[in-house]
Protein backbone atom coordinates (compact mmCIF):
# COMPACT_ATOMS: atom_id res chain seq x y z
CA MET A 1 73.99 -32.60 235.61
CA ARG A 2 70.43 -33.19 234.56
CA ILE A 3 69.39 -34.41 231.12
CA ASP A 4 65.90 -33.36 230.00
CA LEU A 5 64.52 -35.95 227.60
CA ASN A 6 61.38 -33.89 226.82
CA THR A 7 63.30 -31.09 225.09
CA GLY A 8 63.92 -33.19 222.00
CA ALA A 9 60.32 -34.31 221.96
CA ALA A 10 59.10 -30.71 222.05
CA VAL A 11 61.32 -29.78 219.14
CA SER A 12 60.28 -32.85 217.22
CA GLY A 13 56.65 -32.04 217.90
CA ALA A 14 57.14 -28.51 216.63
CA HIS A 15 58.78 -29.82 213.46
CA VAL A 16 55.96 -32.30 212.94
CA GLU A 17 53.34 -29.59 213.45
CA LYS A 18 55.18 -27.23 211.10
CA ALA A 19 55.44 -29.97 208.47
CA ALA A 20 51.71 -30.70 208.81
CA LEU A 21 50.85 -27.03 208.36
CA SER A 22 53.16 -26.80 205.36
CA HIS A 23 51.53 -29.86 203.80
CA ALA A 24 48.05 -28.43 204.40
CA ALA A 25 49.10 -25.14 202.78
CA GLN A 26 50.52 -26.97 199.75
CA THR A 27 47.35 -29.04 199.39
CA LYS A 28 45.22 -25.90 199.55
CA ALA A 29 47.47 -24.14 197.03
CA LYS A 30 47.10 -27.07 194.62
CA SER A 31 43.31 -27.00 194.87
CA VAL A 32 43.24 -23.23 194.40
CA SER A 33 45.65 -23.35 191.48
CA SER A 34 43.49 -25.92 189.67
CA GLN A 35 40.48 -23.63 189.79
CA PRO A 36 42.09 -20.71 187.93
CA SER A 37 43.29 -23.01 185.16
CA ASP A 38 39.68 -24.11 184.59
CA THR A 39 38.56 -20.49 184.68
CA GLU A 40 41.39 -19.42 182.38
CA ALA A 41 40.41 -22.07 179.85
CA HIS A 42 36.77 -20.93 179.97
CA VAL A 43 37.76 -17.28 179.59
CA GLY A 44 40.01 -18.22 176.70
CA LYS A 45 37.11 -19.91 174.93
CA LEU A 46 34.86 -16.90 175.52
CA ALA A 47 37.53 -14.52 174.24
CA ALA A 48 38.03 -16.60 171.10
CA THR A 49 34.28 -16.62 170.46
CA ALA A 50 34.03 -12.86 170.98
CA LEU A 51 37.00 -12.17 168.71
CA SER A 52 35.61 -14.35 165.94
CA ALA A 53 32.23 -12.60 166.01
CA PRO A 54 31.79 -9.75 163.54
CA GLU A 55 32.09 -6.28 165.03
CA VAL A 56 29.16 -4.94 163.02
CA ARG A 57 25.81 -6.69 162.90
CA THR A 58 25.47 -6.48 159.15
CA GLU A 59 21.91 -7.81 159.05
CA LYS A 60 20.68 -5.07 161.34
CA VAL A 61 22.63 -2.37 159.50
CA ARG A 62 21.26 -3.56 156.15
CA ALA A 63 17.68 -3.56 157.47
CA LEU A 64 18.08 0.02 158.72
CA GLN A 65 19.61 1.11 155.40
CA LEU A 66 16.65 -0.30 153.53
CA GLN A 67 14.21 1.48 155.85
CA LEU A 68 16.07 4.78 155.41
CA GLN A 69 16.15 4.45 151.62
CA SER A 70 12.46 3.59 151.40
CA GLY A 71 11.47 6.38 153.79
CA LYS A 72 9.91 3.95 156.25
CA TYR A 73 12.36 4.65 159.08
CA GLN A 74 10.59 6.87 161.59
CA VAL A 75 12.60 8.54 164.31
CA SER A 76 10.80 9.26 167.54
CA SER A 77 11.53 12.82 168.65
CA THR A 78 11.01 11.73 172.24
CA GLN A 79 13.66 9.02 171.91
CA VAL A 80 16.09 11.41 170.21
CA ALA A 81 15.62 14.03 172.93
CA GLY A 82 16.05 11.39 175.63
CA ALA A 83 19.24 10.09 174.01
CA VAL A 84 20.66 13.63 173.69
CA LEU A 85 19.90 14.38 177.34
CA GLU A 86 21.42 11.07 178.43
CA GLN A 87 24.59 11.78 176.49
CA MET A 88 24.81 15.23 178.04
CA ARG A 89 24.33 13.74 181.50
CA VAL A 90 27.01 11.08 180.95
CA HIS A 91 29.58 13.22 179.17
CA GLY A 92 28.72 16.66 180.51
């Protein structure tokens, strides 16, 4: 009967290689998982800023109201026609 001493070494080598690959995958997963947390924090800050901003730009609305009331607001017929055509193109 013959005893092959290399069989155990091959198995051990495979286990070592598998463990090394597993460790590399875990290290990569940790580095990847740290990036989204930074991104998530940044997105959270942007969302908070956007939600705290007023939905209507009151200064601009007030300025237009004053122009309308005083009769100084002039509408360009070319711009109105262009906007109508654009809306028809987008929604039509």
